PDB file of N, CA and C in Angstrom:
ATOM      1  N   CYS A   1     106.723 116.854  44.067  1.00  0.00           N
ATOM      2  CA  CYS A   1     106.967 117.109  43.134  1.00  0.00           C
ATOM      3  C   CYS A   1     108.406 115.809  43.286  1.00  0.00           C
ATOM      4  N   ASN A   2     108.376 114.547  42.178  1.00  0.00           N
ATOM      5  CA  ASN A   2     109.554 113.966  42.721  1.00  0.00           C
ATOM      6  C   ASN A   2     110.279 113.780  41.132  1.00  0.00           C
ATOM      7  N   TYR A   3     110.773 113.947  41.793  1.00  0.00           N
ATOM      8  CA  TYR A   3     112.506 114.285  40.581  1.00  0.00           C
ATOM      9  C   TYR A   3     113.655 112.602  40.782  1.00  0.00           C
ATOM     10  N   GLY A   4     113.343 112.152  41.348  1.00  0.00           N
ATOM     11  CA  GLY A   4     113.702 109.811  41.160  1.00  0.00           C
ATOM     12  C   GLY A   4     115.310 110.260  41.463  1.00  0.00           C
ATOM     13  N   GLY A   5     115.558 110.933  42.022  1.00  0.00           N
ATOM     14  CA  GLY A   5     117.284 110.924  42.712  1.00  0.00           C
ATOM     15  C   GLY A   5     117.404 111.389  43.988  1.00  0.00           C
ATOM     16  N   THR A   6     118.293 111.344  44.513  1.00  0.00           N
ATOM     17  CA  THR A   6     118.387 112.611  45.831  1.00  0.00           C
ATOM     18  C   THR A   6     118.972 114.208  45.558  1.00  0.00           C
ATOM     19  N   PHE A   7     118.677 115.082  46.367  1.00  0.00           N
ATOM     20  CA  PHE A   7     119.680 116.398  46.401  1.00  0.00           C
ATOM     21  C   PHE A   7     121.228 116.228  47.594  1.00  0.00           C
ATOM     22  N   PRO A   8     121.627 117.163  47.215  1.00  0.00           N
ATOM     23  CA  PRO A   8     122.914 117.470  48.369  1.00  0.00           C
ATOM     24  C   PRO A   8     122.420 117.859  49.604  1.00  0.00           C
ATOM     25  N   ALA A   9     121.502 118.335  49.804  1.00  0.00           N
ATOM     26  CA  ALA A   9     120.947 118.860  50.982  1.00  0.00           C
ATOM     27  C   ALA A   9     119.412 119.301  51.110  1.00  0.00           C
ATOM     28  N   GLU A  10     118.183 118.829  52.710  1.00  0.00           N
ATOM     29  CA  GLU A  10     117.247 119.609  53.055  1.00  0.00           C
ATOM     30  C   GLU A  10     117.317 120.947  53.182  1.00  0.00           C
ATOM     31  N   VAL A  11     116.048 121.650  52.568  1.00  0.00           N
ATOM     32  CA  VAL A  11     115.941 122.934  53.187  1.00  0.00           C
ATOM     33  C   VAL A  11     114.232 123.736  53.460  1.00  0.00           C
ATOM     34  N   GLN A  12     114.205 124.466  54.279  1.00  0.00           N
ATOM     35  CA  GLN A  12     112.592 124.280  54.554  1.00  0.00           C
ATOM     36  C   GLN A  12     112.834 125.611  54.759  1.00  0.00           C
ATOM     37  N   ILE A  13     111.498 126.636  53.212  1.00  0.00           N
ATOM     38  CA  ILE A  13     111.207 127.559  53.394  1.00  0.00           C
ATOM     39  C   ILE A  13     109.770 128.107  53.581  1.00  0.00           C
ATOM     40  N   THR A  14     109.990 128.917  54.045  1.00  0.00           N
ATOM     41  CA  THR A  14     108.711 129.400  54.650  1.00  0.00           C
ATOM     42  C   THR A  14     108.792 131.406  54.796  1.00  0.00           C
ATOM     43  N   PRO A  15     107.085 130.887  54.880  1.00  0.00           N
ATOM     44  CA  PRO A  15     107.316 133.084  55.136  1.00  0.00           C
ATOM     45  C   PRO A  15     107.463 133.218  56.452  1.00  0.00           C
ATOM     46  N   ARG A  16     107.946 134.726  56.300  1.00  0.00           N
ATOM     47  CA  ARG A  16     108.518 134.996  57.182  1.00  0.00           C
ATOM     48  C   ARG A  16     107.401 135.298  58.575  1.00  0.00           C
ATOM     49  N   THR A  17     107.786 135.221  59.689  1.00  0.00           N
ATOM     50  CA  THR A  17     106.469 135.746  60.687  1.00  0.00           C
ATOM     51  C   THR A  17     107.597 136.761  61.305  1.00  0.00           C
ATOM     52  N   LYS A  18     106.095 137.755  62.443  1.00  0.00           N
ATOM     53  CA  LYS A  18     106.786 138.588  63.280  1.00  0.00           C
ATOM     54  C   LYS A  18     108.081 137.676  64.220  1.00  0.00           C
ATOM     55  N   MET A  19     107.258 136.527  64.910  1.00  0.00           N
ATOM     56  CA  MET A  19     108.227 136.169  65.973  1.00  0.00           C
ATOM     57  C   MET A  19     109.729 135.662  65.231  1.00  0.00           C
ATOM     58  N   GLN A  20     110.055 135.109  63.694  1.00  0.00           N
ATOM     59  CA  GLN A  20     110.467 134.553  63.131  1.00  0.00           C
ATOM     60  C   GLN A  20     111.660 135.609  62.855  1.00  0.00           C
ATOM     61  N   LYS A  21     111.217 137.022  62.537  1.00  0.00           N
ATOM     62  CA  LYS A  21     112.394 138.111  62.336  1.00  0.00           C
ATOM     63  C   LYS A  21     112.910 138.403  63.335  1.00  0.00           C
ATOM     64  N   LEU A  22     112.325 138.356  65.167  1.00  0.00           N
ATOM     65  CA  LEU A  22     113.255 138.621  66.313  1.00  0.00           C
ATOM     66  C   LEU A  22     113.905 137.204  65.798  1.00  0.00           C
ATOM     67  N   ARG A  23     114.668 136.066  64.899  1.00  0.00           N
ATOM     68  CA  ARG A  23     115.247 135.190  65.820  1.00  0.00           C
ATOM     69  C   ARG A  23     116.344 135.231  64.592  1.00  0.00           C
ATOM     70  N   LYS A  24     117.552 135.438  64.900  1.00  0.00           N
ATOM     71  CA  LYS A  24     118.594 135.641  64.320  1.00  0.00           C
ATOM     72  C   LYS A  24     119.336 134.372  62.950  1.00  0.00           C
ATOM     73  N   ASN A  25     118.730 133.318  63.615  1.00  0.00           N
ATOM     74  CA  ASN A  25     119.649 132.294  63.082  1.00  0.00           C
ATOM     75  C   ASN A  25     118.735 131.674  62.200  1.00  0.00           C
ATOM     76  N   GLY A  26     118.683 130.802  60.945  1.00  0.00           N
ATOM     77  CA  GLY A  26     118.109 130.781  59.493  1.00  0.00           C
ATOM     78  C   GLY A  26     118.714 131.251  58.451  1.00  0.00           C
ATOM     79  N   VAL A  27     119.311 130.457  57.694  1.00  0.00           N
ATOM     80  CA  VAL A  27     119.683 131.120  56.315  1.00  0.00           C
ATOM     81  C   VAL A  27     119.933 131.809  55.348  1.00  0.00           C
ATOM     82  N   LYS A  28     120.640 132.583  55.518  1.00  0.00           N
ATOM     83  CA  LYS A  28     120.578 134.166  54.766  1.00  0.00           C
ATOM     84  C   LYS A  28     121.346 133.734  54.076  1.00  0.00           C
ATOM     85  N   THR A  29     119.636 134.169  52.429  1.00  0.00           N
ATOM     86  CA  THR A  29     120.865 133.602  51.024  1.00  0.00           C
ATOM     87  C   THR A  29     121.657 134.571  50.371  1.00  0.00           C
ATOM     88  N   GLY A  30     121.563 136.318  50.738  1.00  0.00           N
ATOM     89  CA  GLY A  30     122.196 137.160  50.376  1.00  0.00           C
ATOM     90  C   GLY A  30     121.121 138.113  49.581  1.00  0.00           C
ATOM     91  N   ASN A  31     120.390 137.597  49.342  1.00  0.00           N
ATOM     92  CA  ASN A  31     119.067 138.561  48.783  1.00  0.00           C
ATOM     93  C   ASN A  31     118.455 139.432  49.624  1.00  0.00           C
ATOM     94  N   GLU A  32     118.541 139.895  49.226  1.00  0.00           N
ATOM     95  CA  GLU A  32     117.709 140.646  51.176  1.00  0.00           C
ATOM     96  C   GLU A  32     115.872 141.117  50.743  1.00  0.00           C
ATOM     97  N   GLU A  33     115.381 140.634  50.098  1.00  0.00           N
ATOM     98  CA  GLU A  33     113.602 140.897  49.760  1.00  0.00           C
ATOM     99  C   GLU A  33     113.876 139.815  49.738  1.00  0.00           C
ATOM    100  N   PHE A  34     114.426 138.143  49.255  1.00  0.00           N
ATOM    101  CA  PHE A  34     114.018 137.165  49.539  1.00  0.00           C
ATOM    102  C   PHE A  34     114.226 137.096  51.494  1.00  0.00           C
ATOM    103  N   ASP A  35     115.443 137.328  51.958  1.00  0.00           N
ATOM    104  CA  ASP A  35     115.487 136.594  53.520  1.00  0.00           C
ATOM    105  C   ASP A  35     114.652 137.915  54.090  1.00  0.00           C
ATOM    106  N   LYS A  36     114.116 139.219  53.601  1.00  0.00           N
ATOM    107  CA  LYS A  36     112.736 139.345  54.405  1.00  0.00           C
ATOM    108  C   LYS A  36     111.580 138.866  53.931  1.00  0.00           C
ATOM    109  N   ARG A  37     110.877 137.923  53.668  1.00  0.00           N
ATOM    110  CA  ARG A  37     110.174 137.152  52.946  1.00  0.00           C
ATOM    111  C   ARG A  37     110.017 136.382  53.191  1.00  0.00           C
ATOM    112  N   PHE A  38     111.012 135.366  53.605  1.00  0.00           N
ATOM    113  CA  PHE A  38     112.056 133.968  53.647  1.00  0.00           C
ATOM    114  C   PHE A  38     111.970 133.582  54.971  1.00  0.00           C
ATOM    115  N   PHE A  39     112.343 132.216  55.843  1.00  0.00           N
ATOM    116  CA  PHE A  39     113.110 132.535  56.894  1.00  0.00           C
ATOM    117  C   PHE A  39     112.935 130.786  56.224  1.00  0.00           C
ATOM    118  N   VAL A  40     114.485 130.221  56.247  1.00  0.00           N
ATOM    119  CA  VAL A  40     114.745 129.606  55.438  1.00  0.00           C
ATOM    120  C   VAL A  40     115.548 128.379  56.941  1.00  0.00           C
ATOM    121  N   GLN A  41     115.496 126.706  56.746  1.00  0.00           N
ATOM    122  CA  GLN A  41     116.636 126.896  57.549  1.00  0.00           C
ATOM    123  C   GLN A  41     116.789 124.865  56.419  1.00  0.00           C
ATOM    124  N   ALA A  42     117.864 124.401  57.097  1.00  0.00           N
ATOM    125  CA  ALA A  42     119.017 123.775  56.320  1.00  0.00           C
ATOM    126  C   ALA A  42     119.542 122.967  57.453  1.00  0.00           C
ATOM    127  N   GLU A  43     119.716 121.470  57.308  1.00  0.00           N
ATOM    128  CA  GLU A  43     120.586 120.603  57.756  1.00  0.00           C
ATOM    129  C   GLU A  43     121.909 121.444  57.404  1.00  0.00           C
ATOM    130  N   ASP A  44     122.049 121.427  56.042  1.00  0.00           N
ATOM    131  CA  ASP A  44     124.025 122.259  56.174  1.00  0.00           C
ATOM    132  C   ASP A  44     123.814 123.052  55.255  1.00  0.00           C
ATOM    133  N   GLU A  45     123.717 124.294  55.981  1.00  0.00           N
ATOM    134  CA  GLU A  45     123.748 126.030  55.104  1.00  0.00           C
ATOM    135  C   GLU A  45     124.121 125.897  54.325  1.00  0.00           C
ATOM    136  N   HIS A  46     125.960 125.522  53.886  1.00  0.00           N
ATOM    137  CA  HIS A  46     127.499 125.937  53.209  1.00  0.00           C
ATOM    138  C   HIS A  46     126.481 124.795  52.120  1.00  0.00           C
ATOM    139  N   GLU A  47     126.031 123.190  52.070  1.00  0.00           N
ATOM    140  CA  GLU A  47     125.699 123.038  51.416  1.00  0.00           C
ATOM    141  C   GLU A  47     124.018 123.746  50.040  1.00  0.00           C
ATOM    142  N   ALA A  48     123.454 123.897  51.109  1.00  0.00           N
ATOM    143  CA  ALA A  48     121.817 124.441  50.783  1.00  0.00           C
ATOM    144  C   ALA A  48     122.213 125.664  49.600  1.00  0.00           C
ATOM    145  N   LEU A  49     123.402 126.523  50.380  1.00  0.00           N
ATOM    146  CA  LEU A  49     123.523 127.597  49.219  1.00  0.00           C
ATOM    147  C   LEU A  49     124.346 127.106  48.586  1.00  0.00           C
ATOM    148  N   ARG A  50     124.940 126.585  48.538  1.00  0.00           N
ATOM    149  CA  ARG A  50     125.776 126.431  47.186  1.00  0.00           C
ATOM    150  C   ARG A  50     125.403 125.571  46.323  1.00  0.00           C
ATOM    151  N   CYS A  51     124.205 124.211  46.519  1.00  0.00           N
ATOM    152  CA  CYS A  51     123.403 123.792  45.555  1.00  0.00           C
ATOM    153  C   CYS A  51     121.705 124.389  45.178  1.00  0.00           C
ATOM    154  N   ILE A  52     121.256 124.188  46.126  1.00  0.00           N
ATOM    155  CA  ILE A  52     120.265 124.508  45.869  1.00  0.00           C
ATOM    156  C   ILE A  52     119.514 125.901  45.801  1.00  0.00           C
ATOM    157  N   LEU A  53     120.013 127.055  47.156  1.00  0.00           N
ATOM    158  CA  LEU A  53     119.416 128.342  46.856  1.00  0.00           C
ATOM    159  C   LEU A  53     120.784 129.703  46.676  1.00  0.00           C
ATOM    160  N   THR A  54     120.437 128.744  44.960  1.00  0.00           N
ATOM    161  CA  THR A  54     121.079 129.803  44.246  1.00  0.00           C
ATOM    162  C   THR A  54     120.732 130.867  43.845  1.00  0.00           C
ATOM    163  N   SER A  55     121.373 131.983  43.735  1.00  0.00           N
ATOM    164  CA  SER A  55     121.112 133.080  42.736  1.00  0.00           C
ATOM    165  C   SER A  55     119.578 133.518  41.572  1.00  0.00           C
ATOM    166  N   GLY A  56     119.534 131.849  41.420  1.00  0.00           N
ATOM    167  CA  GLY A  56     118.349 132.300  40.312  1.00  0.00           C
ATOM    168  C   GLY A  56     117.254 131.358  40.792  1.00  0.00           C
ATOM    169  N   ARG A  57     117.354 130.067  41.741  1.00  0.00           N
ATOM    170  CA  ARG A  57     116.360 129.719  42.371  1.00  0.00           C
ATOM    171  C   ARG A  57     115.790 130.070  43.090  1.00  0.00           C
ATOM    172  N   VAL A  58     116.548 131.454  44.125  1.00  0.00           N
ATOM    173  CA  VAL A  58     115.791 131.908  44.864  1.00  0.00           C
ATOM    174  C   VAL A  58     114.831 133.248  43.916  1.00  0.00           C
ATOM    175  N   GLU A  59     115.170 133.693  43.066  1.00  0.00           N
ATOM    176  CA  GLU A  59     114.655 134.619  41.911  1.00  0.00           C
ATOM    177  C   GLU A  59     113.329 134.048  41.817  1.00  0.00           C
ATOM    178  N   ALA A  60     112.980 132.956  41.030  1.00  0.00           N
ATOM    179  CA  ALA A  60     112.426 131.688  40.953  1.00  0.00           C
ATOM    180  C   ALA A  60     111.384 131.955  41.804  1.00  0.00           C
ATOM    181  N   ILE A  61     111.634 131.302  43.276  1.00  0.00           N
ATOM    182  CA  ILE A  61     110.832 131.436  44.195  1.00  0.00           C
ATOM    183  C   ILE A  61     110.363 132.810  44.561  1.00  0.00           C
ATOM    184  N   LEU A  62     110.751 133.675  44.830  1.00  0.00           N
ATOM    185  CA  LEU A  62     110.566 135.052  44.844  1.00  0.00           C
ATOM    186  C   LEU A  62     109.237 135.535  43.238  1.00  0.00           C
ATOM    187  N   ARG A  63     109.852 135.531  42.360  1.00  0.00           N
ATOM    188  CA  ARG A  63     109.170 135.583  41.352  1.00  0.00           C
ATOM    189  C   ARG A  63     107.026 134.695  41.383  1.00  0.00           C
ATOM    190  N   ALA A  64     107.502 133.479  42.312  1.00  0.00           N
ATOM    191  CA  ALA A  64     106.218 132.477  41.784  1.00  0.00           C
ATOM    192  C   ALA A  64     105.091 132.769  43.318  1.00  0.00           C
ATOM    193  N   ALA A  65     106.190 133.124  44.147  1.00  0.00           N
ATOM    194  CA  ALA A  65     105.465 134.143  45.997  1.00  0.00           C
ATOM    195  C   ALA A  65     104.794 135.154  45.148  1.00  0.00           C
ATOM    196  N   GLU A  66     105.322 135.987  44.231  1.00  0.00           N
ATOM    197  CA  GLU A  66     104.123 137.176  43.736  1.00  0.00           C
ATOM    198  C   GLU A  66     103.448 136.837  43.668  1.00  0.00           C
ATOM    199  N   LYS A  67     102.825 136.140  42.610  1.00  0.00           N
ATOM    200  CA  LYS A  67     101.985 136.001  41.481  1.00  0.00           C
ATOM    201  C   LYS A  67     100.873 134.686  42.162  1.00  0.00           C
ATOM    202  N   SER A  68     101.901 134.408  43.822  1.00  0.00           N
ATOM    203  CA  SER A  68     100.396 133.446  44.362  1.00  0.00           C
ATOM    204  C   SER A  68      99.426 134.194  44.945  1.00  0.00           C
ATOM    205  N   SER A  69      98.242 133.077  45.491  1.00  0.00           N
ATOM    206  CA  SER A  69      97.565 134.616  46.583  1.00  0.00           C
ATOM    207  C   SER A  69      97.563 134.309  47.535  1.00  0.00           C
ATOM    208  N   GLY A  70      98.544 133.777  48.175  1.00  0.00           N
ATOM    209  CA  GLY A  70      99.083 133.180  49.298  1.00  0.00           C
ATOM    210  C   GLY A  70     100.399 132.355  49.449  1.00  0.00           C
ATOM    211  N   ASN A  71     100.144 131.651  50.531  1.00  0.00           N
ATOM    212  CA  ASN A  71     102.134 132.072  51.009  1.00  0.00           C
ATOM    213  C   ASN A  71     102.333 130.997  50.943  1.00  0.00           C
ATOM    214  N   VAL A  72     103.757 130.658  50.563  1.00  0.00           N
ATOM    215  CA  VAL A  72     104.329 129.972  49.785  1.00  0.00           C
ATOM    216  C   VAL A  72     105.411 129.392  50.686  1.00  0.00           C
ATOM    217  N   TYR A  73     104.670 127.387  50.583  1.00  0.00           N
ATOM    218  CA  TYR A  73     105.840 127.594  51.645  1.00  0.00           C
ATOM    219  C   TYR A  73     107.172 125.967  50.024  1.00  0.00           C
ATOM    220  N   MET A  74     107.821 126.066  50.763  1.00  0.00           N
ATOM    221  CA  MET A  74     108.727 124.497  50.249  1.00  0.00           C
ATOM    222  C   MET A  74     109.519 123.815  51.323  1.00  0.00           C
ATOM    223  N   SER A  75     109.201 122.701  50.820  1.00  0.00           N
ATOM    224  CA  SER A  75     110.579 121.821  51.520  1.00  0.00           C
ATOM    225  C   SER A  75     111.062 121.381  50.145  1.00  0.00           C
ATOM    226  N   VAL A  76     112.817 121.188  50.004  1.00  0.00           N
ATOM    227  CA  VAL A  76     113.079 120.352  49.683  1.00  0.00           C
ATOM    228  C   VAL A  76     113.988 119.460  50.061  1.00  0.00           C
ATOM    229  N   LEU A  77     113.516 117.858  50.268  1.00  0.00           N
ATOM    230  CA  LEU A  77     113.585 117.221  50.582  1.00  0.00           C
ATOM    231  C   LEU A  77     115.075 116.545  50.369  1.00  0.00           C
ATOM    232  N   ARG A  78     115.721 115.283  51.011  1.00  0.00           N
ATOM    233  CA  ARG A  78     116.970 114.833  50.280  1.00  0.00           C
ATOM    234  C   ARG A  78     116.516 113.548  50.310  1.00  0.00           C
ATOM    235  N   GLU A  79     115.618 112.576  49.524  1.00  0.00           N
ATOM    236  CA  GLU A  79     115.117 111.578  48.764  1.00  0.00           C
ATOM    237  C   GLU A  79     114.887 112.612  47.803  1.00  0.00           C
ATOM    238  N   GLY A  80     115.103 114.102  47.159  1.00  0.00           N
ATOM    239  CA  GLY A  80     115.067 114.262  45.966  1.00  0.00           C
ATOM    240  C   GLY A  80     113.323 113.892  45.518  1.00  0.00           C
ATOM    241  N   ARG A  81     112.964 114.615  46.342  1.00  0.00           N
ATOM    242  CA  ARG A  81     110.873 115.721  46.290  1.00  0.00           C
ATOM    243  C   ARG A  81     110.997 117.269  47.010  1.00  0.00           C
ATOM    244  N   ILE A  82     110.261 117.346  46.218  1.00  0.00           N
ATOM    245  CA  ILE A  82     109.731 118.884  46.277  1.00  0.00           C
ATOM    246  C   ILE A  82     108.189 119.000  46.789  1.00  0.00           C
ATOM    247  N   HIS A  83     107.795 119.254  47.689  1.00  0.00           N
ATOM    248  CA  HIS A  83     106.256 120.315  48.463  1.00  0.00           C
ATOM    249  C   HIS A  83     106.152 121.456  48.335  1.00  0.00           C
ATOM    250  N   LEU A  84     105.390 121.673  47.721  1.00  0.00           N
ATOM    251  CA  LEU A  84     104.537 123.551  47.551  1.00  0.00           C
ATOM    252  C   LEU A  84     103.520 123.026  48.149  1.00  0.00           C
ATOM    253  N   LEU A  85     103.456 123.839  48.652  1.00  0.00           N
ATOM    254  CA  LEU A  85     102.463 124.308  49.330  1.00  0.00           C
ATOM    255  C   LEU A  85     101.384 126.394  49.362  1.00  0.00           C
ATOM    256  N   VAL A  86     100.617 126.486  48.783  1.00  0.00           N
ATOM    257  CA  VAL A  86     100.351 127.595  49.234  1.00  0.00           C
ATOM    258  C   VAL A  86      98.734 127.866  49.856  1.00  0.00           C
ATOM    259  N   GLN A  87      99.337 128.325  51.527  1.00  0.00           N
ATOM    260  CA  GLN A  87      98.786 128.377  51.974  1.00  0.00           C
ATOM    261  C   GLN A  87      97.384 129.796  52.038  1.00  0.00           C
ATOM    262  N   GLY A  88      95.992 129.882  52.530  1.00  0.00           N
ATOM    263  CA  GLY A  88      95.632 130.869  52.521  1.00  0.00           C
ATOM    264  C   GLY A  88      95.049 131.561  51.260  1.00  0.00           C
ATOM    265  N   SER A  89      94.591 130.154  50.243  1.00  0.00           N
ATOM    266  CA  SER A  89      94.266 130.432  49.096  1.00  0.00           C
ATOM    267  C   SER A  89      93.326 130.599  48.390  1.00  0.00           C
ATOM    268  N   GLU A  90      92.814 130.156  47.314  1.00  0.00           N
ATOM    269  CA  GLU A  90      92.005 129.604  46.752  1.00  0.00           C
ATOM    270  C   GLU A  90      91.938 129.053  45.795  1.00  0.00           C
ATOM    271  N   PHE A  91      93.523 128.147  45.373  1.00  0.00           N
ATOM    272  CA  PHE A  91      93.864 127.606  44.673  1.00  0.00           C
ATOM    273  C   PHE A  91      93.197 126.399  44.455  1.00  0.00           C
ATOM    274  N   PHE A  92      92.508 125.895  43.441  1.00  0.00           N
ATOM    275  CA  PHE A  92      92.172 124.662  43.548  1.00  0.00           C
ATOM    276  C   PHE A  92      90.686 124.705  44.533  1.00  0.00           C
ATOM    277  N   ASP A  93      90.040 126.194  44.911  1.00  0.00           N
ATOM    278  CA  ASP A  93      88.498 126.182  45.966  1.00  0.00           C
ATOM    279  C   ASP A  93      87.552 126.199  44.927  1.00  0.00           C
ATOM    280  N   LEU A  94      86.447 125.414  44.307  1.00  0.00           N
ATOM    281  CA  LEU A  94      85.453 125.143  44.320  1.00  0.00           C
ATOM    282  C   LEU A  94      84.638 126.292  43.954  1.00  0.00           C
ATOM    283  N   GLY A  95      84.881 127.147  45.236  1.00  0.00           N
ATOM    284  CA  GLY A  95      84.038 128.464  45.612  1.00  0.00           C
ATOM    285  C   GLY A  95      82.190 127.914  45.285  1.00  0.00           C
ATOM    286  N   LYS A  96      81.297 128.810  46.842  1.00  0.00           N
ATOM    287  CA  LYS A  96      80.085 128.096  46.723  1.00  0.00           C
ATOM    288  C   LYS A  96      79.099 129.099  45.449  1.00  0.00           C
ATOM    289  N   GLY A  97      77.842 127.732  45.606  1.00  0.00           N
ATOM    290  CA  GLY A  97      77.302 128.946  44.745  1.00  0.00           C
ATOM    291  C   GLY A  97      77.562 127.461  43.176  1.00  0.00           C
ATOM    292  N   SER A  98      76.397 128.175  42.269  1.00  0.00           N
ATOM    293  CA  SER A  98      76.543 128.517  41.171  1.00  0.00           C
ATOM    294  C   SER A  98      78.439 128.685  40.591  1.00  0.00           C
ATOM    295  N   THR A  99      78.820 127.533  39.845  1.00  0.00           N
ATOM    296  CA  THR A  99      80.008 127.841  39.311  1.00  0.00           C
ATOM    297  C   THR A  99      80.162 128.034  37.932  1.00  0.00           C
ATOM    298  N   ASN A 100      80.459 129.017  37.334  1.00  0.00           N
ATOM    299  CA  ASN A 100      80.886 128.407  35.921  1.00  0.00           C
ATOM    300  C   ASN A 100      81.998 127.894  35.531  1.00  0.00           C
ATOM    301  N   VAL A 101      81.792 126.992  34.875  1.00  0.00           N
ATOM    302  CA  VAL A 101      82.706 126.118  34.236  1.00  0.00           C
ATOM    303  C   VAL A 101      83.811 126.653  33.675  1.00  0.00           C
ATOM    304  N   GLU A 102      83.715 126.877  33.003  1.00  0.00           N
ATOM    305  CA  GLU A 102      84.554 126.805  32.253  1.00  0.00           C
ATOM    306  C   GLU A 102      85.526 128.050  32.977  1.00  0.00           C
ATOM    307  N   LEU A 103      85.358 129.431  33.205  1.00  0.00           N
ATOM    308  CA  LEU A 103      86.037 129.762  33.979  1.00  0.00           C
ATOM    309  C   LEU A 103      86.485 129.336  35.682  1.00  0.00           C
ATOM    310  N   LEU A 104      85.642 128.100  35.377  1.00  0.00           N
ATOM    311  CA  LEU A 104      86.843 127.514  36.864  1.00  0.00           C
ATOM    312  C   LEU A 104      88.285 126.389  36.496  1.00  0.00           C
ATOM    313  N   ARG A 105      87.616 125.697  35.631  1.00  0.00           N
ATOM    314  CA  ARG A 105      88.139 125.362  34.591  1.00  0.00           C
ATOM    315  C   ARG A 105      89.960 125.922  34.166  1.00  0.00           C
ATOM    316  N   GLU A 106      89.861 127.921  33.047  1.00  0.00           N
ATOM    317  CA  GLU A 106      90.599 128.486  32.805  1.00  0.00           C
ATOM    318  C   GLU A 106      91.520 128.492  34.373  1.00  0.00           C
ATOM    319  N   ARG A 107      90.549 128.820  35.800  1.00  0.00           N
ATOM    320  CA  ARG A 107      91.190 128.909  36.799  1.00  0.00           C
ATOM    321  C   ARG A 107      92.196 127.873  37.071  1.00  0.00           C
ATOM    322  N   TRP A 108      91.438 126.887  37.424  1.00  0.00           N
ATOM    323  CA  TRP A 108      92.843 125.803  37.745  1.00  0.00           C
ATOM    324  C   TRP A 108      94.449 125.832  36.694  1.00  0.00           C
ATOM    325  N   THR A 109      93.137 125.515  35.197  1.00  0.00           N
ATOM    326  CA  THR A 109      94.365 125.753  34.601  1.00  0.00           C
ATOM    327  C   THR A 109      96.019 127.056  34.494  1.00  0.00           C
ATOM    328  N   ASN A 110      95.199 127.995  34.882  1.00  0.00           N
ATOM    329  CA  ASN A 110      96.022 128.230  35.740  1.00  0.00           C
ATOM    330  C   ASN A 110      97.140 128.576  36.619  1.00  0.00           C
ATOM    331  N   GLU A 111      96.325 127.853  37.549  1.00  0.00           N
ATOM    332  CA  GLU A 111      97.566 127.506  38.678  1.00  0.00           C
ATOM    333  C   GLU A 111      97.924 125.916  39.483  1.00  0.00           C
ATOM    334  N   ILE A 112      97.914 124.978  37.636  1.00  0.00           N
ATOM    335  CA  ILE A 112      98.569 124.138  37.251  1.00  0.00           C
ATOM    336  C   ILE A 112      99.646 125.264  36.599  1.00  0.00           C
ATOM    337  N   HIS A 113      99.906 125.587  35.943  1.00  0.00           N
ATOM    338  CA  HIS A 113     100.789 125.609  35.311  1.00  0.00           C
ATOM    339  C   HIS A 113     101.481 126.576  36.240  1.00  0.00           C
ATOM    340  N   TRP A 114     101.244 127.774  37.680  1.00  0.00           N
ATOM    341  CA  TRP A 114     101.970 128.590  37.864  1.00  0.00           C
ATOM    342  C   TRP A 114     102.915 127.441  39.289  1.00  0.00           C
ATOM    343  N   PHE A 115     102.225 125.770  39.571  1.00  0.00           N
ATOM    344  CA  PHE A 115     103.328 124.922  40.064  1.00  0.00           C
ATOM    345  C   PHE A 115     104.285 124.457  38.615  1.00  0.00           C
ATOM    346  N   THR A 116     103.908 123.549  37.730  1.00  0.00           N
ATOM    347  CA  THR A 116     104.704 123.661  36.742  1.00  0.00           C
ATOM    348  C   THR A 116     105.763 124.043  35.891  1.00  0.00           C
ATOM    349  N   ASP A 117     105.394 125.941  36.145  1.00  0.00           N
ATOM    350  CA  ASP A 117     106.378 126.741  36.040  1.00  0.00           C
ATOM    351  C   ASP A 117     107.369 126.743  37.089  1.00  0.00           C
ATOM    352  N   LEU A 118     106.933 127.445  38.596  1.00  0.00           N
ATOM    353  CA  LEU A 118     107.596 127.197  39.058  1.00  0.00           C
ATOM    354  C   LEU A 118     108.865 125.934  39.129  1.00  0.00           C
ATOM    355  N   ILE A 119     108.588 124.843  39.183  1.00  0.00           N
ATOM    356  CA  ILE A 119     109.334 123.687  39.108  1.00  0.00           C
ATOM    357  C   ILE A 119     110.141 123.736  38.269  1.00  0.00           C
ATOM    358  N   ASP A 120     109.683 123.922  36.249  1.00  0.00           N
ATOM    359  CA  ASP A 120     110.771 124.245  35.732  1.00  0.00           C
ATOM    360  C   ASP A 120     111.227 125.355  36.217  1.00  0.00           C
ATOM    361  N   ALA A 121     111.183 126.206  36.400  1.00  0.00           N
ATOM    362  CA  ALA A 121     111.939 127.922  36.913  1.00  0.00           C
ATOM    363  C   ALA A 121     113.312 127.354  37.325  1.00  0.00           C
ATOM    364  N   LEU A 122     112.648 126.497  38.444  1.00  0.00           N
ATOM    365  CA  LEU A 122     114.338 125.981  39.166  1.00  0.00           C
ATOM    366  C   LEU A 122     115.241 125.299  38.853  1.00  0.00           C
ATOM    367  N   ARG A 123     114.583 123.842  38.260  1.00  0.00           N
ATOM    368  CA  ARG A 123     115.899 123.069  36.798  1.00  0.00           C
ATOM    369  C   ARG A 123     117.043 122.653  38.283  1.00  0.00           C
ATOM    370  N   MET A 124     116.035 121.888  38.849  1.00  0.00           N
ATOM    371  CA  MET A 124     115.980 120.699  40.204  1.00  0.00           C
ATOM    372  C   MET A 124     117.055 119.803  39.252  1.00  0.00           C
ATOM    373  N   GLU A 125     116.662 119.295  38.925  1.00  0.00           N
ATOM    374  CA  GLU A 125     117.672 117.846  37.896  1.00  0.00           C
ATOM    375  C   GLU A 125     119.165 117.933  37.502  1.00  0.00           C
ATOM    376  N   ASP A 126     119.237 119.342  37.669  1.00  0.00           N
ATOM    377  CA  ASP A 126     120.506 119.854  37.018  1.00  0.00           C
ATOM    378  C   ASP A 126     121.814 119.340  38.896  1.00  0.00           C
ATOM    379  N   ILE A 127     121.322 119.043  40.230  1.00  0.00           N
ATOM    380  CA  ILE A 127     121.719 119.233  40.856  1.00  0.00           C
ATOM    381  C   ILE A 127     121.671 117.877  42.300  1.00  0.00           C
ATOM    382  N   LEU A 128     120.997 116.899  40.758  1.00  0.00           N
ATOM    383  CA  LEU A 128     120.315 115.386  41.191  1.00  0.00           C
ATOM    384  C   LEU A 128     121.541 114.611  41.956  1.00  0.00           C
ATOM    385  N   ASP A 129     121.869 113.824  42.823  1.00  0.00           N
ATOM    386  CA  ASP A 129     122.857 113.161  42.748  1.00  0.00           C
ATOM    387  C   ASP A 129     122.347 111.757  42.025  1.00  0.00           C
TER     388      ASP A 129
END
């Protein structure tokens, strides 16, 4: 998603792995559920927390992750872009064998809505420079 401006900080959000649970570094948002589920890295922790990882955005990411069928990865890039990835899911997967086109169309529509709903919930245009 390209917002057409710049963000005040870069942030990478990845699922927290067993190895990352042992590491003490990483940005803590103050939301215990989010901090247990995700590992956050930022070039400027203060700006990341002040502008990008607000409580509303953290909650939106958590809600979206709960609705996804895989691990959610997110990068907020200073150049005004957000990259989203859902790994280990069947997002946009055709499947094998005969496919019911209507069911496939409905599933893909739901998956597109998942992405667009998350982008809308983040309201990142409010912090563009």
